[in-house]
Amino acid sequence: MIEFVPDIPRWRQVAEVIRQRIKDGTYPPRSRVPSVVKLVEEFGIATATSQKVFNALRAEGLIYTEPGLGSFVSKQLPPETTELAEKS
């Protein structure tokens, strides 16, 4: 579990952790990302908070969801994500 910063919404902090894992290759393109339930367990957050994380990452183009299968890292990451990964 992470130490949450009080002034930043938890969903933003968890989204940043998942975003970083995508950038550093922990979750490579086309790989499955943890489910809403797994985020609840790992970070000790509410289901609604986890859903906000997924919505934010989808809006950024980092993940996509296949109904009945789960959520996956996008095959083609947005350019700013790729550039950051190459600089790491």
PDB file of N, CA and C in Angstrom:
ATOM      1  N   MET A   1       0.833  -1.176   0.000  1.00  0.00           N
ATOM      2  CA  MET A   1       0.000   0.000   0.000  1.00  0.00           C
ATOM      3  C   MET A   1       0.885   1.250   0.000  1.00  0.00           C
ATOM      4  N   ILE A   2       0.386   2.321  -0.600  1.00  0.00           N
ATOM      5  CA  ILE A   2       1.168   3.556  -0.653  1.00  0.00           C
ATOM      6  C   ILE A   2       0.726   4.504   0.460  1.00  0.00           C
ATOM      7  N   GLU A   3       1.606   5.421   0.787  1.00  0.00           N
ATOM      8  CA  GLU A   3       1.266   6.491   1.729  1.00  0.00           C
ATOM      9  C   GLU A   3       0.552   7.568   0.937  1.00  0.00           C
ATOM     10  N   PHE A   4      -0.694   7.822   1.245  1.00  0.00           N
ATOM     11  CA  PHE A   4      -1.447   8.826   0.521  1.00  0.00           C
ATOM     12  C   PHE A   4      -1.141  10.227   1.040  1.00  0.00           C
ATOM     13  N   VAL A   5      -1.014  11.169   0.114  1.00  0.00           N
ATOM     14  CA  VAL A   5      -0.820  12.571   0.446  1.00  0.00           C
ATOM     15  C   VAL A   5      -2.207  13.159   0.703  1.00  0.00           C
ATOM     16  N   PRO A   6      -2.415  13.811   1.834  1.00  0.00           N
ATOM     17  CA  PRO A   6      -3.756  14.281   2.194  1.00  0.00           C
ATOM     18  C   PRO A   6      -4.421  15.249   1.209  1.00  0.00           C
ATOM     19  N   ASP A   7      -3.677  16.136   0.586  1.00  0.00           N
ATOM     20  CA  ASP A   7      -4.281  17.176  -0.258  1.00  0.00           C
ATOM     21  C   ASP A   7      -4.542  16.764  -1.703  1.00  0.00           C
ATOM     22  N   ILE A   8      -4.180  15.540  -2.072  1.00  0.00           N
ATOM     23  CA  ILE A   8      -4.366  15.070  -3.447  1.00  0.00           C
ATOM     24  C   ILE A   8      -5.374  13.920  -3.421  1.00  0.00           C
ATOM     25  N   PRO A   9      -6.404  13.982  -4.287  1.00  0.00           N
ATOM     26  CA  PRO A   9      -7.391  12.887  -4.294  1.00  0.00           C
ATOM     27  C   PRO A   9      -6.711  11.527  -4.473  1.00  0.00           C
ATOM     28  N   ARG A  10      -7.192  10.565  -3.741  1.00  0.00           N
ATOM     29  CA  ARG A  10      -6.588   9.221  -3.797  1.00  0.00           C
ATOM     30  C   ARG A  10      -6.621   8.638  -5.201  1.00  0.00           C
ATOM     31  N   TRP A  11      -7.706   8.870  -5.945  1.00  0.00           N
ATOM     32  CA  TRP A  11      -7.770   8.292  -7.286  1.00  0.00           C
ATOM     33  C   TRP A  11      -6.650   8.827  -8.160  1.00  0.00           C
ATOM     34  N   ARG A  12      -6.279  10.105  -7.969  1.00  0.00           N
ATOM     35  CA  ARG A  12      -5.176  10.672  -8.755  1.00  0.00           C
ATOM     36  C   ARG A  12      -3.843  10.025  -8.380  1.00  0.00           C
ATOM     37  N   GLN A  13      -3.667   9.764  -7.096  1.00  0.00           N
ATOM     38  CA  GLN A  13      -2.422   9.149  -6.634  1.00  0.00           C
ATOM     39  C   GLN A  13      -2.289   7.707  -7.134  1.00  0.00           C
ATOM     40  N   VAL A  14      -3.375   6.961  -7.095  1.00  0.00           N
ATOM     41  CA  VAL A  14      -3.347   5.578  -7.591  1.00  0.00           C
ATOM     42  C   VAL A  14      -3.162   5.578  -9.110  1.00  0.00           C
ATOM     43  N   ALA A  15      -3.847   6.489  -9.801  1.00  0.00           N
ATOM     44  CA  ALA A  15      -3.677   6.584 -11.255  1.00  0.00           C
ATOM     45  C   ALA A  15      -2.217   6.855 -11.602  1.00  0.00           C
ATOM     46  N   GLU A  16      -1.556   7.689 -10.814  1.00  0.00           N
ATOM     47  CA  GLU A  16      -0.142   7.984 -11.068  1.00  0.00           C
ATOM     48  C   GLU A  16       0.729   6.735 -10.880  1.00  0.00           C
ATOM     49  N   VAL A  17       0.417   5.917  -9.892  1.00  0.00           N
ATOM     50  CA  VAL A  17       1.163   4.673  -9.680  1.00  0.00           C
ATOM     51  C   VAL A  17       0.995   3.757 -10.894  1.00  0.00           C
ATOM     52  N   ILE A  18      -0.237   3.577 -11.350  1.00  0.00           N
ATOM     53  CA  ILE A  18      -0.495   2.706 -12.509  1.00  0.00           C
ATOM     54  C   ILE A  18       0.151   3.301 -13.761  1.00  0.00           C
ATOM     55  N   ARG A  19       0.034   4.610 -13.929  1.00  0.00           N
ATOM     56  CA  ARG A  19       0.664   5.306 -15.065  1.00  0.00           C
ATOM     57  C   ARG A  19       2.167   5.043 -15.067  1.00  0.00           C
ATOM     58  N   GLN A  20       2.795   5.142 -13.901  1.00  0.00           N
ATOM     59  CA  GLN A  20       4.238   4.906 -13.795  1.00  0.00           C
ATOM     60  C   GLN A  20       4.584   3.458 -14.134  1.00  0.00           C
ATOM     61  N   ARG A  21       3.751   2.527 -13.704  1.00  0.00           N
ATOM     62  CA  ARG A  21       3.991   1.112 -14.013  1.00  0.00           C
ATOM     63  C   ARG A  21       3.885   0.859 -15.514  1.00  0.00           C
ATOM     64  N   ILE A  22       2.993   1.573 -16.174  1.00  0.00           N
ATOM     65  CA  ILE A  22       2.889   1.454 -17.632  1.00  0.00           C
ATOM     66  C   ILE A  22       4.141   2.035 -18.277  1.00  0.00           C
ATOM     67  N   LYS A  23       4.560   3.205 -17.822  1.00  0.00           N
ATOM     68  CA  LYS A  23       5.742   3.871 -18.391  1.00  0.00           C
ATOM     69  C   LYS A  23       7.007   3.055 -18.203  1.00  0.00           C
ATOM     70  N   ASP A  24       7.152   2.417 -17.020  1.00  0.00           N
ATOM     71  CA  ASP A  24       8.401   1.691 -16.764  1.00  0.00           C
ATOM     72  C   ASP A  24       8.384   0.255 -17.282  1.00  0.00           C
ATOM     73  N   GLY A  25       7.256  -0.147 -17.906  1.00  0.00           N
ATOM     74  CA  GLY A  25       7.200  -1.476 -18.511  1.00  0.00           C
ATOM     75  C   GLY A  25       6.711  -2.577 -17.586  1.00  0.00           C
ATOM     76  N   THR A  26       6.370  -2.245 -16.353  1.00  0.00           N
ATOM     77  CA  THR A  26       5.807  -3.257 -15.464  1.00  0.00           C
ATOM     78  C   THR A  26       4.557  -3.850 -16.100  1.00  0.00           C
ATOM     79  N   TYR A  27       3.760  -2.975 -16.726  1.00  0.00           N
ATOM     80  CA  TYR A  27       2.599  -3.393 -17.501  1.00  0.00           C
ATOM     81  C   TYR A  27       2.875  -3.009 -18.952  1.00  0.00           C
ATOM     82  N   PRO A  28       3.427  -3.927 -19.743  1.00  0.00           N
ATOM     83  CA  PRO A  28       3.738  -3.609 -21.136  1.00  0.00           C
ATOM     84  C   PRO A  28       2.480  -3.513 -22.003  1.00  0.00           C
ATOM     85  N   PRO A  29       2.609  -2.938 -23.213  1.00  0.00           N
ATOM     86  CA  PRO A  29       1.469  -2.853 -24.122  1.00  0.00           C
ATOM     87  C   PRO A  29       0.789  -4.215 -24.293  1.00  0.00           C
ATOM     88  N   ARG A  30      -0.529  -4.171 -24.321  1.00  0.00           N
ATOM     89  CA  ARG A  30      -1.407  -5.331 -24.494  1.00  0.00           C
ATOM     90  C   ARG A  30      -1.520  -6.219 -23.262  1.00  0.00           C
ATOM     91  N   SER A  31      -0.790  -5.888 -22.175  1.00  0.00           N
ATOM     92  CA  SER A  31      -0.913  -6.704 -20.968  1.00  0.00           C
ATOM     93  C   SER A  31      -2.112  -6.245 -20.146  1.00  0.00           C
ATOM     94  N   ARG A  32      -2.628  -7.146 -19.378  1.00  0.00           N
ATOM     95  CA  ARG A  32      -3.785  -6.852 -18.528  1.00  0.00           C
ATOM     96  C   ARG A  32      -3.315  -6.024 -17.329  1.00  0.00           C
ATOM     97  N   VAL A  33      -4.098  -5.023 -16.986  1.00  0.00           N
ATOM     98  CA  VAL A  33      -3.830  -4.252 -15.771  1.00  0.00           C
ATOM     99  C   VAL A  33      -4.704  -4.823 -14.661  1.00  0.00           C
ATOM    100  N   PRO A  34      -4.322  -4.595 -13.409  1.00  0.00           N
ATOM    101  CA  PRO A  34      -5.130  -5.136 -12.320  1.00  0.00           C
ATOM    102  C   PRO A  34      -6.583  -4.663 -12.404  1.00  0.00           C
ATOM    103  N   SER A  35      -7.475  -5.513 -11.972  1.00  0.00           N
ATOM    104  CA  SER A  35      -8.905  -5.198 -11.996  1.00  0.00           C
ATOM    105  C   SER A  35      -9.257  -4.173 -10.924  1.00  0.00           C
ATOM    106  N   VAL A  36     -10.479  -3.677 -10.989  1.00  0.00           N
ATOM    107  CA  VAL A  36     -10.991  -2.761  -9.970  1.00  0.00           C
ATOM    108  C   VAL A  36     -10.848  -3.412  -8.593  1.00  0.00           C
ATOM    109  N   VAL A  37     -11.208  -4.665  -8.490  1.00  0.00           N
ATOM    110  CA  VAL A  37     -11.127  -5.381  -7.215  1.00  0.00           C
ATOM    111  C   VAL A  37      -9.680  -5.460  -6.724  1.00  0.00           C
ATOM    112  N   LYS A  38      -8.746  -5.714  -7.631  1.00  0.00           N
ATOM    113  CA  LYS A  38      -7.332  -5.794  -7.245  1.00  0.00           C
ATOM    114  C   LYS A  38      -6.814  -4.438  -6.755  1.00  0.00           C
ATOM    115  N   LEU A  39      -7.255  -3.350  -7.407  1.00  0.00           N
ATOM    116  CA  LEU A  39      -6.845  -2.021  -6.942  1.00  0.00           C
ATOM    117  C   LEU A  39      -7.402  -1.745  -5.550  1.00  0.00           C
ATOM    118  N   VAL A  40      -8.643  -2.150  -5.308  1.00  0.00           N
ATOM    119  CA  VAL A  40      -9.249  -1.991  -3.987  1.00  0.00           C
ATOM    120  C   VAL A  40      -8.396  -2.713  -2.948  1.00  0.00           C
ATOM    121  N   GLU A  41      -8.007  -3.944  -3.262  1.00  0.00           N
ATOM    122  CA  GLU A  41      -7.200  -4.746  -2.324  1.00  0.00           C
ATOM    123  C   GLU A  41      -5.799  -4.165  -2.143  1.00  0.00           C
ATOM    124  N   GLU A  42      -5.134  -3.817  -3.249  1.00  0.00           N
ATOM    125  CA  GLU A  42      -3.751  -3.348  -3.173  1.00  0.00           C
ATOM    126  C   GLU A  42      -3.611  -1.993  -2.486  1.00  0.00           C
ATOM    127  N   PHE A  43      -4.526  -1.076  -2.786  1.00  0.00           N
ATOM    128  CA  PHE A  43      -4.376   0.293  -2.289  1.00  0.00           C
ATOM    129  C   PHE A  43      -5.322   0.651  -1.150  1.00  0.00           C
ATOM    130  N   GLY A  44      -6.237  -0.245  -0.811  1.00  0.00           N
ATOM    131  CA  GLY A  44      -7.162   0.034   0.276  1.00  0.00           C
ATOM    132  C   GLY A  44      -8.111   1.182  -0.032  1.00  0.00           C
ATOM    133  N   ILE A  45      -8.563   1.246  -1.289  1.00  0.00           N
ATOM    134  CA  ILE A  45      -9.464   2.310  -1.723  1.00  0.00           C
ATOM    135  C   ILE A  45     -10.849   1.732  -2.002  1.00  0.00           C
ATOM    136  N   ALA A  46     -11.815   2.609  -2.140  1.00  0.00           N
ATOM    137  CA  ALA A  46     -13.181   2.183  -2.445  1.00  0.00           C
ATOM    138  C   ALA A  46     -13.304   1.798  -3.919  1.00  0.00           C
ATOM    139  N   THR A  47     -14.318   0.996  -4.222  1.00  0.00           N
ATOM    140  CA  THR A  47     -14.578   0.584  -5.597  1.00  0.00           C
ATOM    141  C   THR A  47     -14.793   1.791  -6.500  1.00  0.00           C
ATOM    142  N   ALA A  48     -15.552   2.774  -6.032  1.00  0.00           N
ATOM    143  CA  ALA A  48     -15.808   3.976  -6.833  1.00  0.00           C
ATOM    144  C   ALA A  48     -14.507   4.726  -7.130  1.00  0.00           C
ATOM    145  N   THR A  49     -13.581   4.720  -6.183  1.00  0.00           N
ATOM    146  CA  THR A  49     -12.280   5.369  -6.381  1.00  0.00           C
ATOM    147  C   THR A  49     -11.497   4.645  -7.465  1.00  0.00           C
ATOM    148  N   SER A  50     -11.518   3.317  -7.409  1.00  0.00           N
ATOM    149  CA  SER A  50     -10.839   2.517  -8.426  1.00  0.00           C
ATOM    150  C   SER A  50     -11.417   2.759  -9.801  1.00  0.00           C
ATOM    151  N   GLN A  51     -12.727   2.900  -9.880  1.00  0.00           N
ATOM    152  CA  GLN A  51     -13.355   3.161 -11.168  1.00  0.00           C
ATOM    153  C   GLN A  51     -12.928   4.523 -11.717  1.00  0.00           C
ATOM    154  N   LYS A  52     -12.724   5.500 -10.840  1.00  0.00           N
ATOM    155  CA  LYS A  52     -12.222   6.805 -11.288  1.00  0.00           C
ATOM    156  C   LYS A  52     -10.825   6.667 -11.872  1.00  0.00           C
ATOM    157  N   VAL A  53     -10.011   5.797 -11.276  1.00  0.00           N
ATOM    158  CA  VAL A  53      -8.661   5.543 -11.787  1.00  0.00           C
ATOM    159  C   VAL A  53      -8.759   5.019 -13.216  1.00  0.00           C
ATOM    160  N   PHE A  54      -9.595   4.011 -13.425  1.00  0.00           N
ATOM    161  CA  PHE A  54      -9.753   3.428 -14.761  1.00  0.00           C
ATOM    162  C   PHE A  54     -10.285   4.446 -15.754  1.00  0.00           C
ATOM    163  N   ASN A  55     -11.254   5.245 -15.343  1.00  0.00           N
ATOM    164  CA  ASN A  55     -11.808   6.271 -16.233  1.00  0.00           C
ATOM    165  C   ASN A  55     -10.734   7.271 -16.654  1.00  0.00           C
ATOM    166  N   ALA A  56      -9.901   7.680 -15.724  1.00  0.00           N
ATOM    167  CA  ALA A  56      -8.830   8.641 -16.038  1.00  0.00           C
ATOM    168  C   ALA A  56      -7.815   8.036 -17.002  1.00  0.00           C
ATOM    169  N   LEU A  57      -7.409   6.808 -16.751  1.00  0.00           N
ATOM    170  CA  LEU A  57      -6.412   6.164 -17.612  1.00  0.00           C
ATOM    171  C   LEU A  57      -6.972   5.898 -19.007  1.00  0.00           C
ATOM    172  N   ARG A  58      -8.264   5.551 -19.081  1.00  0.00           N
ATOM    173  CA  ARG A  58      -8.913   5.379 -20.385  1.00  0.00           C
ATOM    174  C   ARG A  58      -8.947   6.703 -21.129  1.00  0.00           C
ATOM    175  N   ALA A  59      -9.313   7.781 -20.439  1.00  0.00           N
ATOM    176  CA  ALA A  59      -9.402   9.101 -21.069  1.00  0.00           C
ATOM    177  C   ALA A  59      -8.043   9.561 -21.603  1.00  0.00           C
ATOM    178  N   GLU A  60      -6.973   9.133 -20.955  1.00  0.00           N
ATOM    179  CA  GLU A  60      -5.617   9.476 -21.398  1.00  0.00           C
ATOM    180  C   GLU A  60      -5.143   8.579 -22.535  1.00  0.00           C
ATOM    181  N   GLY A  61      -5.887   7.524 -22.831  1.00  0.00           N
ATOM    182  CA  GLY A  61      -5.489   6.602 -23.891  1.00  0.00           C
ATOM    183  C   GLY A  61      -4.468   5.572 -23.455  1.00  0.00           C
ATOM    184  N   LEU A  62      -4.261   5.440 -22.146  1.00  0.00           N
ATOM    185  CA  LEU A  62      -3.271   4.488 -21.657  1.00  0.00           C
ATOM    186  C   LEU A  62      -3.805   3.065 -21.574  1.00  0.00           C
ATOM    187  N   ILE A  63      -5.107   2.933 -21.341  1.00  0.00           N
ATOM    188  CA  ILE A  63      -5.702   1.599 -21.259  1.00  0.00           C
ATOM    189  C   ILE A  63      -6.992   1.566 -22.065  1.00  0.00           C
ATOM    190  N   TYR A  64      -7.429   0.362 -22.359  1.00  0.00           N
ATOM    191  CA  TYR A  64      -8.739   0.140 -22.971  1.00  0.00           C
ATOM    192  C   TYR A  64      -9.356  -1.062 -22.269  1.00  0.00           C
ATOM    193  N   THR A  65     -10.666  -1.136 -22.295  1.00  0.00           N
ATOM    194  CA  THR A  65     -11.375  -2.211 -21.611  1.00  0.00           C
ATOM    195  C   THR A  65     -12.155  -3.035 -22.612  1.00  0.00           C
ATOM    196  N   GLU A  66     -12.015  -4.331 -22.511  1.00  0.00           N
ATOM    197  CA  GLU A  66     -12.778  -5.287 -23.311  1.00  0.00           C
ATOM    198  C   GLU A  66     -13.819  -5.895 -22.381  1.00  0.00           C
ATOM    199  N   PRO A  67     -15.099  -5.598 -22.605  1.00  0.00           N
ATOM    200  CA  PRO A  67     -16.134  -6.139 -21.723  1.00  0.00           C
ATOM    201  C   PRO A  67     -16.010  -7.657 -21.555  1.00  0.00           C
ATOM    202  N   GLY A  68     -16.048  -8.076 -20.313  1.00  0.00           N
ATOM    203  CA  GLY A  68     -15.960  -9.497 -20.002  1.00  0.00           C
ATOM    204  C   GLY A  68     -14.540 -10.039 -19.961  1.00  0.00           C
ATOM    205  N   LEU A  69     -13.560  -9.259 -20.429  1.00  0.00           N
ATOM    206  CA  LEU A  69     -12.172  -9.728 -20.452  1.00  0.00           C
ATOM    207  C   LEU A  69     -11.260  -8.962 -19.495  1.00  0.00           C
ATOM    208  N   GLY A  70     -11.526  -7.680 -19.311  1.00  0.00           N
ATOM    209  CA  GLY A  70     -10.685  -6.878 -18.432  1.00  0.00           C
ATOM    210  C   GLY A  70     -10.145  -5.653 -19.128  1.00  0.00           C
ATOM    211  N   SER A  71      -9.227  -4.985 -18.461  1.00  0.00           N
ATOM    212  CA  SER A  71      -8.600  -3.782 -19.006  1.00  0.00           C
ATOM    213  C   SER A  71      -7.148  -4.084 -19.334  1.00  0.00           C
ATOM    214  N   PHE A  72      -6.683  -3.472 -20.427  1.00  0.00           N
ATOM    215  CA  PHE A  72      -5.359  -3.757 -20.954  1.00  0.00           C
ATOM    216  C   PHE A  72      -4.626  -2.462 -21.280  1.00  0.00           C
ATOM    217  N   VAL A  73      -3.305  -2.528 -21.255  1.00  0.00           N
ATOM    218  CA  VAL A  73      -2.503  -1.386 -21.667  1.00  0.00           C
ATOM    219  C   VAL A  73      -2.677  -1.226 -23.175  1.00  0.00           C
ATOM    220  N   SER A  74      -2.844   0.004 -23.600  1.00  0.00           N
ATOM    221  CA  SER A  74      -3.040   0.277 -25.024  1.00  0.00           C
ATOM    222  C   SER A  74      -1.867  -0.238 -25.842  1.00  0.00           C
ATOM    223  N   LYS A  75      -2.185  -0.695 -27.058  1.00  0.00           N
ATOM    224  CA  LYS A  75      -1.154  -1.207 -27.963  1.00  0.00           C
ATOM    225  C   LYS A  75      -0.208  -0.092 -28.381  1.00  0.00           C
ATOM    226  N   GLN A  76      -0.779   1.086 -28.608  1.00  0.00           N
ATOM    227  CA  GLN A  76       0.000   2.258 -29.012  1.00  0.00           C
ATOM    228  C   GLN A  76      -0.206   3.320 -27.935  1.00  0.00           C
ATOM    229  N   LEU A  77       0.836   3.559 -27.149  1.00  0.00           N
ATOM    230  CA  LEU A  77       0.713   4.550 -26.083  1.00  0.00           C
ATOM    231  C   LEU A  77       0.790   5.957 -26.649  1.00  0.00           C
ATOM    232  N   PRO A  78       0.133   6.909 -25.997  1.00  0.00           N
ATOM    233  CA  PRO A  78       0.230   8.304 -26.440  1.00  0.00           C
ATOM    234  C   PRO A  78       1.693   8.752 -26.475  1.00  0.00           C
ATOM    235  N   PRO A  79       2.066   9.658 -27.384  1.00  0.00           N
ATOM    236  CA  PRO A  79       3.466  10.073 -27.538  1.00  0.00           C
ATOM    237  C   PRO A  79       4.139  10.549 -26.260  1.00  0.00           C
ATOM    238  N   GLU A  80       3.451  11.340 -25.429  1.00  0.00           N
ATOM    239  CA  GLU A  80       4.091  11.840 -24.212  1.00  0.00           C
ATOM    240  C   GLU A  80       4.439  10.714 -23.260  1.00  0.00           C
ATOM    241  N   THR A  81       3.662   9.634 -23.246  1.00  0.00           N
ATOM    242  CA  THR A  81       3.963   8.488 -22.395  1.00  0.00           C
ATOM    243  C   THR A  81       5.183   7.754 -22.919  1.00  0.00           C
ATOM    244  N   THR A  82       5.258   7.566 -24.218  1.00  0.00           N
ATOM    245  CA  THR A  82       6.395   6.885 -24.835  1.00  0.00           C
ATOM    246  C   THR A  82       7.677   7.663 -24.606  1.00  0.00           C
ATOM    247  N   GLU A  83       7.633   8.986 -24.775  1.00  0.00           N
ATOM    248  CA  GLU A  83       8.817   9.811 -24.565  1.00  0.00           C
ATOM    249  C   GLU A  83       9.309   9.713 -23.136  1.00  0.00           C
ATOM    250  N   LEU A  84       8.400   9.744 -22.176  1.00  0.00           N
ATOM    251  CA  LEU A  84       8.793   9.639 -20.778  1.00  0.00           C
ATOM    252  C   LEU A  84       9.412   8.287 -20.488  1.00  0.00           C
ATOM    253  N   ALA A  85       8.870   7.223 -21.056  1.00  0.00           N
ATOM    254  CA  ALA A  85       9.405   5.884 -20.844  1.00  0.00           C
ATOM    255  C   ALA A  85      10.817   5.772 -21.397  1.00  0.00           C
ATOM    256  N   GLU A  86      11.082   6.413 -22.547  1.00  0.00           N
ATOM    257  CA  GLU A  86      12.405   6.347 -23.150  1.00  0.00           C
ATOM    258  C   GLU A  86      13.440   7.130 -22.336  1.00  0.00           C
ATOM    259  N   LYS A  87      13.013   8.173 -21.627  1.00  0.00           N
ATOM    260  CA  LYS A  87      13.932   8.979 -20.834  1.00  0.00           C
ATOM    261  C   LYS A  87      14.254   8.331 -19.493  1.00  0.00           C
ATOM    262  N   SER A  88      13.424   7.373 -19.065  1.00  0.00           N
ATOM    263  CA  SER A  88      13.623   6.730 -17.756  1.00  0.00           C
ATOM    264  C   SER A  88      14.816   5.800 -17.777  1.00  0.00           C
TER     265      SER A  88
END
